[in-house]
């Protein structure tokens, strides 16, 4: 017997409205595929409420598809089909053998489904010591980087160098931004996008993830 669909908290049209808002922002930022891993955001966009976030899972939002795709462990696949508004064919369950596997886990299943040659991957990491937080961002290109990504790199490097040159004792954050942002606008964001912020506040008062 096939797993039946439960009554969703909101109609299909509401979930599609939320996804449309997300896709609008994705287009503005030139993001073709978004991987959502935060359980609260997954619930908001799909209706999924099972507490399975302890294992690798991801809601894949693509500009090319009306509905997202959800990738989760096989044990939770039936719950996803039951709870989510999406078609059962858009729920992909990876084998239980990937759970607690030191060599290959559920994230491998997610990345194989999403990442293709030429994709850009952004990793945002951070370290903490004595209560202070320090961020680290790295960008990777799978295969040869496109001309667009190379222009992004050149603009980011120029903006970073300008910011570092301006960051001196007595200089305000605004001064640093004023020195850096023009490089980003001139070399990277020549079309319609604007630079809203240069960085984020960090230090001792950053809330936990």
C-alpha atoms as a PDB file:
ATOM      1  CA  UNK A   1       0.000   0.000   0.000  1.00  0.00           C
ATOM      2  CA  UNK A   2       1.380   3.398  -1.006  1.00  0.00           C
ATOM      3  CA  UNK A   3       1.986   5.940   1.738  1.00  0.00           C
ATOM      4  CA  UNK A   4      -1.040   8.313   1.786  1.00  0.00           C
ATOM      5  CA  UNK A   5      -0.749  12.073   1.882  1.00  0.00           C
ATOM      6  CA  UNK A   6      -1.591  13.820   5.152  1.00  0.00           C
ATOM      7  CA  UNK A   7      -3.572  17.042   5.389  1.00  0.00           C
ATOM      8  CA  UNK A   8      -1.105  19.915   5.052  1.00  0.00           C
ATOM      9  CA  UNK A   9      -1.160  22.874   7.428  1.00  0.00           C
ATOM     10  CA  UNK A  10      -1.418  25.202   4.421  1.00  0.00           C
ATOM     11  CA  UNK A  11      -2.763  24.767   0.882  1.00  0.00           C
ATOM     12  CA  UNK A  12      -0.409  23.958  -1.973  1.00  0.00           C
ATOM     13  CA  UNK A  13      -0.781  27.522  -3.268  1.00  0.00           C
ATOM     14  CA  UNK A  14       0.733  28.903  -0.044  1.00  0.00           C
ATOM     15  CA  UNK A  15       3.817  26.707  -0.248  1.00  0.00           C
ATOM     16  CA  UNK A  16       4.263  27.656  -3.905  1.00  0.00           C
ATOM     17  CA  UNK A  17       3.931  31.333  -2.933  1.00  0.00           C
ATOM     18  CA  UNK A  18       6.717  30.932  -0.394  1.00  0.00           C
ATOM     19  CA  UNK A  19       8.889  29.141  -2.934  1.00  0.00           C
ATOM     20  CA  UNK A  20       8.223  31.865  -5.495  1.00  0.00           C
ATOM     21  CA  UNK A  21       9.538  34.455  -3.038  1.00  0.00           C
ATOM     22  CA  UNK A  22      12.667  32.364  -2.472  1.00  0.00           C
ATOM     23  CA  UNK A  23      13.204  31.886  -6.202  1.00  0.00           C
ATOM     24  CA  UNK A  24      12.819  35.609  -6.789  1.00  0.00           C
ATOM     25  CA  UNK A  25      15.690  36.251  -4.386  1.00  0.00           C
ATOM     26  CA  UNK A  26      17.684  33.418  -5.979  1.00  0.00           C
ATOM     27  CA  UNK A  27      17.336  35.077  -9.387  1.00  0.00           C
ATOM     28  CA  UNK A  28      18.445  38.405  -7.929  1.00  0.00           C
ATOM     29  CA  UNK A  29      21.539  36.743  -6.531  1.00  0.00           C
ATOM     30  CA  UNK A  30      22.073  34.609  -9.663  1.00  0.00           C
ATOM     31  CA  UNK A  31      21.639  31.334  -7.757  1.00  0.00           C
ATOM     32  CA  UNK A  32      20.238  28.505  -9.883  1.00  0.00           C
ATOM     33  CA  UNK A  33      19.979  25.832  -7.173  1.00  0.00           C
ATOM     34  CA  UNK A  34      19.604  26.300  -3.414  1.00  0.00           C
ATOM     35  CA  UNK A  35      20.144  23.521  -0.852  1.00  0.00           C
ATOM     36  CA  UNK A  36      18.093  24.134   2.305  1.00  0.00           C
ATOM     37  CA  UNK A  37      19.334  22.172   5.337  1.00  0.00           C
ATOM     38  CA  UNK A  38      17.863  24.076   8.297  1.00  0.00           C
ATOM     39  CA  UNK A  39      14.844  22.086   9.587  1.00  0.00           C
ATOM     40  CA  UNK A  40      12.743  25.203  10.259  1.00  0.00           C
ATOM     41  CA  UNK A  41      13.236  26.464   6.706  1.00  0.00           C
ATOM     42  CA  UNK A  42      12.474  23.009   5.301  1.00  0.00           C
ATOM     43  CA  UNK A  43       9.197  22.982   7.245  1.00  0.00           C
ATOM     44  CA  UNK A  44       8.307  26.489   6.068  1.00  0.00           C
ATOM     45  CA  UNK A  45       8.837  25.625   2.412  1.00  0.00           C
ATOM     46  CA  UNK A  46       7.394  22.113   2.324  1.00  0.00           C
ATOM     47  CA  UNK A  47       5.325  21.220   5.404  1.00  0.00           C
ATOM     48  CA  UNK A  48       7.816  18.595   6.614  1.00  0.00           C
ATOM     49  CA  UNK A  49       7.786  18.385  10.430  1.00  0.00           C
ATOM     50  CA  UNK A  50       9.572  15.131  11.324  1.00  0.00           C
ATOM     51  CA  UNK A  51      12.580  15.602  13.588  1.00  0.00           C
ATOM     52  CA  UNK A  52      15.135  14.033  11.278  1.00  0.00           C
ATOM     53  CA  UNK A  53      17.613  16.902  11.053  1.00  0.00           C
ATOM     54  CA  UNK A  54      20.186  14.890  13.017  1.00  0.00           C
ATOM     55  CA  UNK A  55      20.972  13.022   9.774  1.00  0.00           C
ATOM     56  CA  UNK A  56      22.095  14.628   6.498  1.00  0.00           C
ATOM     57  CA  UNK A  57      19.084  15.889   4.558  1.00  0.00           C
ATOM     58  CA  UNK A  58      18.388  18.712   2.145  1.00  0.00           C
ATOM     59  CA  UNK A  59      15.516  20.426   0.354  1.00  0.00           C
ATOM     60  CA  UNK A  60      16.690  21.252  -3.177  1.00  0.00           C
ATOM     61  CA  UNK A  61      15.080  24.384  -4.626  1.00  0.00           C
ATOM     62  CA  UNK A  62      15.760  24.837  -8.340  1.00  0.00           C
ATOM     63  CA  UNK A  63      14.706  27.685 -10.604  1.00  0.00           C
ATOM     64  CA  UNK A  64      13.934  25.088 -13.268  1.00  0.00           C
ATOM     65  CA  UNK A  65      11.390  23.143 -11.202  1.00  0.00           C
ATOM     66  CA  UNK A  66       8.080  24.185  -9.677  1.00  0.00           C
ATOM     67  CA  UNK A  67       8.424  21.844  -6.713  1.00  0.00           C
ATOM     68  CA  UNK A  68      11.555  21.269  -4.641  1.00  0.00           C
ATOM     69  CA  UNK A  69      13.230  17.885  -4.219  1.00  0.00           C
ATOM     70  CA  UNK A  70      13.848  16.466  -0.748  1.00  0.00           C
ATOM     71  CA  UNK A  71      16.759  14.109  -0.046  1.00  0.00           C
ATOM     72  CA  UNK A  72      16.739  12.234   3.252  1.00  0.00           C
ATOM     73  CA  UNK A  73      17.638   8.874   4.789  1.00  0.00           C
ATOM     74  CA  UNK A  74      15.483   5.925   3.695  1.00  0.00           C
ATOM     75  CA  UNK A  75      13.953   5.498   7.152  1.00  0.00           C
ATOM     76  CA  UNK A  76      12.468   9.016   6.975  1.00  0.00           C
ATOM     77  CA  UNK A  77      11.418   8.915   3.331  1.00  0.00           C
ATOM     78  CA  UNK A  78       7.907   7.672   4.076  1.00  0.00           C
ATOM     79  CA  UNK A  79       7.340  10.460   6.607  1.00  0.00           C
ATOM     80  CA  UNK A  80       8.448  13.007   4.015  1.00  0.00           C
ATOM     81  CA  UNK A  81       6.018  11.607   1.421  1.00  0.00           C
ATOM     82  CA  UNK A  82       3.232  11.673   4.013  1.00  0.00           C
ATOM     83  CA  UNK A  83       3.822  15.215   5.302  1.00  0.00           C
ATOM     84  CA  UNK A  84       5.203  17.285   2.441  1.00  0.00           C
ATOM     85  CA  UNK A  85       3.060  18.941  -0.216  1.00  0.00           C
ATOM     86  CA  UNK A  86       5.441  17.862  -2.979  1.00  0.00           C
ATOM     87  CA  UNK A  87       4.900  14.879  -5.268  1.00  0.00           C
ATOM     88  CA  UNK A  88       6.140  11.576  -3.876  1.00  0.00           C
ATOM     89  CA  UNK A  89       8.490  11.313  -6.849  1.00  0.00           C
ATOM     90  CA  UNK A  90      10.371  14.355  -5.547  1.00  0.00           C
ATOM     91  CA  UNK A  91      11.358  12.585  -2.324  1.00  0.00           C
ATOM     92  CA  UNK A  92      14.691  10.783  -2.737  1.00  0.00           C
ATOM     93  CA  UNK A  93      15.790   8.378  -0.005  1.00  0.00           C
ATOM     94  CA  UNK A  94      19.434   7.386   0.331  1.00  0.00           C
ATOM     95  CA  UNK A  95      20.478   3.979   1.790  1.00  0.00           C
ATOM     96  CA  UNK A  96      20.693   3.469   5.546  1.00  0.00           C
ATOM     97  CA  UNK A  97      24.237   2.199   4.975  1.00  0.00           C
ATOM     98  CA  UNK A  98      25.324   5.841   4.650  1.00  0.00           C
ATOM     99  CA  UNK A  99      24.351   6.589   8.261  1.00  0.00           C
ATOM    100  CA  UNK A 100      27.380   6.688  10.607  1.00  0.00           C
ATOM    101  CA  UNK A 101      29.574   5.701   7.672  1.00  0.00           C
ATOM    102  CA  UNK A 102      33.083   7.165   8.144  1.00  0.00           C
ATOM    103  CA  UNK A 103      33.868   7.032   4.419  1.00  0.00           C
ATOM    104  CA  UNK A 104      30.630   8.172   2.767  1.00  0.00           C
ATOM    105  CA  UNK A 105      27.477   9.691   4.225  1.00  0.00           C
ATOM    106  CA  UNK A 106      24.174  11.293   3.269  1.00  0.00           C
ATOM    107  CA  UNK A 107      25.814  14.533   2.177  1.00  0.00           C
ATOM    108  CA  UNK A 108      27.514  12.598  -0.597  1.00  0.00           C
ATOM    109  CA  UNK A 109      24.057  11.607  -1.848  1.00  0.00           C
ATOM    110  CA  UNK A 110      22.926  15.238  -1.715  1.00  0.00           C
ATOM    111  CA  UNK A 111      25.969  16.625  -3.514  1.00  0.00           C
ATOM    112  CA  UNK A 112      25.810  13.975  -6.235  1.00  0.00           C
ATOM    113  CA  UNK A 113      22.233  15.023  -6.976  1.00  0.00           C
ATOM    114  CA  UNK A 114      22.945  18.769  -6.988  1.00  0.00           C
ATOM    115  CA  UNK A 115      26.500  19.570  -8.032  1.00  0.00           C
ATOM    116  CA  UNK A 116      27.571  19.336 -11.646  1.00  0.00           C
ATOM    117  CA  UNK A 117      30.702  20.256 -13.561  1.00  0.00           C
ATOM    118  CA  UNK A 118      31.123  24.013 -13.530  1.00  0.00           C
ATOM    119  CA  UNK A 119      29.119  24.518 -10.321  1.00  0.00           C
ATOM    120  CA  UNK A 120      30.289  27.121  -7.826  1.00  0.00           C
ATOM    121  CA  UNK A 121      30.390  26.018  -4.169  1.00  0.00           C
ATOM    122  CA  UNK A 122      30.571  28.464  -1.265  1.00  0.00           C
ATOM    123  CA  UNK A 123      31.646  27.193   2.153  1.00  0.00           C
ATOM    124  CA  UNK A 124      31.221  29.432   5.188  1.00  0.00           C
ATOM    125  CA  UNK A 125      33.054  28.179   8.252  1.00  0.00           C
ATOM    126  CA  UNK A 126      34.018  29.669  11.590  1.00  0.00           C
ATOM    127  CA  UNK A 127      36.168  28.982  14.601  1.00  0.00           C
ATOM    128  CA  UNK A 128      35.698  30.044  18.209  1.00  0.00           C
ATOM    129  CA  UNK A 129      38.229  30.582  20.998  1.00  0.00           C
ATOM    130  CA  UNK A 130      37.700  32.187  24.398  1.00  0.00           C
ATOM    131  CA  UNK A 131      34.245  33.264  23.269  1.00  0.00           C
ATOM    132  CA  UNK A 132      35.451  35.114  20.158  1.00  0.00           C
ATOM    133  CA  UNK A 133      34.265  34.001  16.718  1.00  0.00           C
ATOM    134  CA  UNK A 134      36.309  34.223  13.528  1.00  0.00           C
ATOM    135  CA  UNK A 135      34.683  33.466  10.156  1.00  0.00           C
ATOM    136  CA  UNK A 136      36.260  31.904   7.081  1.00  0.00           C
ATOM    137  CA  UNK A 137      34.740  31.790   3.596  1.00  0.00           C
ATOM    138  CA  UNK A 138      36.059  29.694   0.724  1.00  0.00           C
ATOM    139  CA  UNK A 139      34.710  29.379  -2.828  1.00  0.00           C
ATOM    140  CA  UNK A 140      35.364  26.382  -5.094  1.00  0.00           C
ATOM    141  CA  UNK A 141      34.612  25.687  -8.733  1.00  0.00           C
ATOM    142  CA  UNK A 142      33.969  22.131  -9.893  1.00  0.00           C
ATOM    143  CA  UNK A 143      36.128  21.960 -12.985  1.00  0.00           C
ATOM    144  CA  UNK A 144      37.224  25.012 -14.970  1.00  0.00           C
ATOM    145  CA  UNK A 145      35.777  28.257 -13.635  1.00  0.00           C
ATOM    146  CA  UNK A 146      33.500  30.175 -16.006  1.00  0.00           C
ATOM    147  CA  UNK A 147      34.297  33.712 -17.156  1.00  0.00           C
ATOM    148  CA  UNK A 148      31.549  34.968 -14.835  1.00  0.00           C
ATOM    149  CA  UNK A 149      33.122  33.307 -11.796  1.00  0.00           C
ATOM    150  CA  UNK A 150      36.538  34.645 -12.769  1.00  0.00           C
ATOM    151  CA  UNK A 151      35.115  38.184 -12.896  1.00  0.00           C
ATOM    152  CA  UNK A 152      33.550  37.622  -9.483  1.00  0.00           C
ATOM    153  CA  UNK A 153      36.942  36.545  -8.163  1.00  0.00           C
ATOM    154  CA  UNK A 154      38.726  39.568  -9.584  1.00  0.00           C
ATOM    155  CA  UNK A 155      36.143  41.934  -8.129  1.00  0.00           C
ATOM    156  CA  UNK A 156      36.225  40.285  -4.713  1.00  0.00           C
ATOM    157  CA  UNK A 157      40.021  40.407  -4.556  1.00  0.00           C
ATOM    158  CA  UNK A 158      40.088  44.081  -5.581  1.00  0.00           C
ATOM    159  CA  UNK A 159      37.436  44.907  -2.988  1.00  0.00           C
ATOM    160  CA  UNK A 160      39.264  42.963  -0.261  1.00  0.00           C
ATOM    161  CA  UNK A 161      42.580  44.666  -0.986  1.00  0.00           C
ATOM    162  CA  UNK A 162      40.908  48.082  -0.882  1.00  0.00           C
ATOM    163  CA  UNK A 163      39.227  47.217   2.420  1.00  0.00           C
ATOM    164  CA  UNK A 164      42.478  46.024   4.008  1.00  0.00           C
ATOM    165  CA  UNK A 165      44.270  49.172   2.858  1.00  0.00           C
ATOM    166  CA  UNK A 166      41.573  51.326   4.452  1.00  0.00           C
ATOM    167  CA  UNK A 167      41.319  49.366   7.724  1.00  0.00           C
ATOM    168  CA  UNK A 168      43.575  51.376  10.022  1.00  0.00           C
ATOM    169  CA  UNK A 169      43.356  52.682  13.565  1.00  0.00           C
ATOM    170  CA  UNK A 170      40.618  55.288  13.792  1.00  0.00           C
ATOM    171  CA  UNK A 171      38.905  54.211  10.569  1.00  0.00           C
ATOM    172  CA  UNK A 172      35.175  53.466  10.851  1.00  0.00           C
ATOM    173  CA  UNK A 173      33.431  50.453   9.341  1.00  0.00           C
ATOM    174  CA  UNK A 174      31.679  52.856   6.995  1.00  0.00           C
ATOM    175  CA  UNK A 175      35.031  54.159   5.736  1.00  0.00           C
ATOM    176  CA  UNK A 176      36.174  50.620   4.952  1.00  0.00           C
ATOM    177  CA  UNK A 177      32.930  49.857   3.106  1.00  0.00           C
ATOM    178  CA  UNK A 178      33.143  53.066   1.076  1.00  0.00           C
ATOM    179  CA  UNK A 179      36.651  52.081  -0.019  1.00  0.00           C
ATOM    180  CA  UNK A 180      35.721  48.525  -0.984  1.00  0.00           C
ATOM    181  CA  UNK A 181      32.200  48.502  -2.423  1.00  0.00           C
ATOM    182  CA  UNK A 182      32.942  50.538  -5.590  1.00  0.00           C
ATOM    183  CA  UNK A 183      35.317  47.783  -6.739  1.00  0.00           C
ATOM    184  CA  UNK A 184      32.568  45.210  -6.363  1.00  0.00           C
ATOM    185  CA  UNK A 185      30.047  47.349  -8.229  1.00  0.00           C
ATOM    186  CA  UNK A 186      32.427  48.232 -11.052  1.00  0.00           C
ATOM    187  CA  UNK A 187      33.955  44.810 -11.644  1.00  0.00           C
ATOM    188  CA  UNK A 188      31.254  42.371 -10.582  1.00  0.00           C
ATOM    189  CA  UNK A 189      27.790  43.857 -10.252  1.00  0.00           C
ATOM    190  CA  UNK A 190      27.489  45.862 -13.446  1.00  0.00           C
ATOM    191  CA  UNK A 191      23.897  44.925 -14.261  1.00  0.00           C
ATOM    192  CA  UNK A 192      21.092  45.308 -11.724  1.00  0.00           C
ATOM    193  CA  UNK A 193      22.328  43.982  -8.389  1.00  0.00           C
ATOM    194  CA  UNK A 194      23.349  46.290  -5.562  1.00  0.00           C
ATOM    195  CA  UNK A 195      25.773  45.704  -2.708  1.00  0.00           C
ATOM    196  CA  UNK A 196      23.763  45.999   0.498  1.00  0.00           C
ATOM    197  CA  UNK A 197      26.471  45.031   2.989  1.00  0.00           C
ATOM    198  CA  UNK A 198      30.190  44.416   2.946  1.00  0.00           C
ATOM    199  CA  UNK A 199      30.445  42.085   5.935  1.00  0.00           C
ATOM    200  CA  UNK A 200      28.705  40.934   9.097  1.00  0.00           C
ATOM    201  CA  UNK A 201      29.225  41.752  12.760  1.00  0.00           C
ATOM    202  CA  UNK A 202      31.243  39.188  14.711  1.00  0.00           C
ATOM    203  CA  UNK A 203      32.935  38.935  18.075  1.00  0.00           C
ATOM    204  CA  UNK A 204      31.734  37.759  21.454  1.00  0.00           C
ATOM    205  CA  UNK A 205      28.032  38.457  21.000  1.00  0.00           C
ATOM    206  CA  UNK A 206      27.404  36.350  17.916  1.00  0.00           C
ATOM    207  CA  UNK A 207      24.472  33.999  18.606  1.00  0.00           C
ATOM    208  CA  UNK A 208      25.071  30.238  18.277  1.00  0.00           C
ATOM    209  CA  UNK A 209      24.114  28.535  15.028  1.00  0.00           C
END
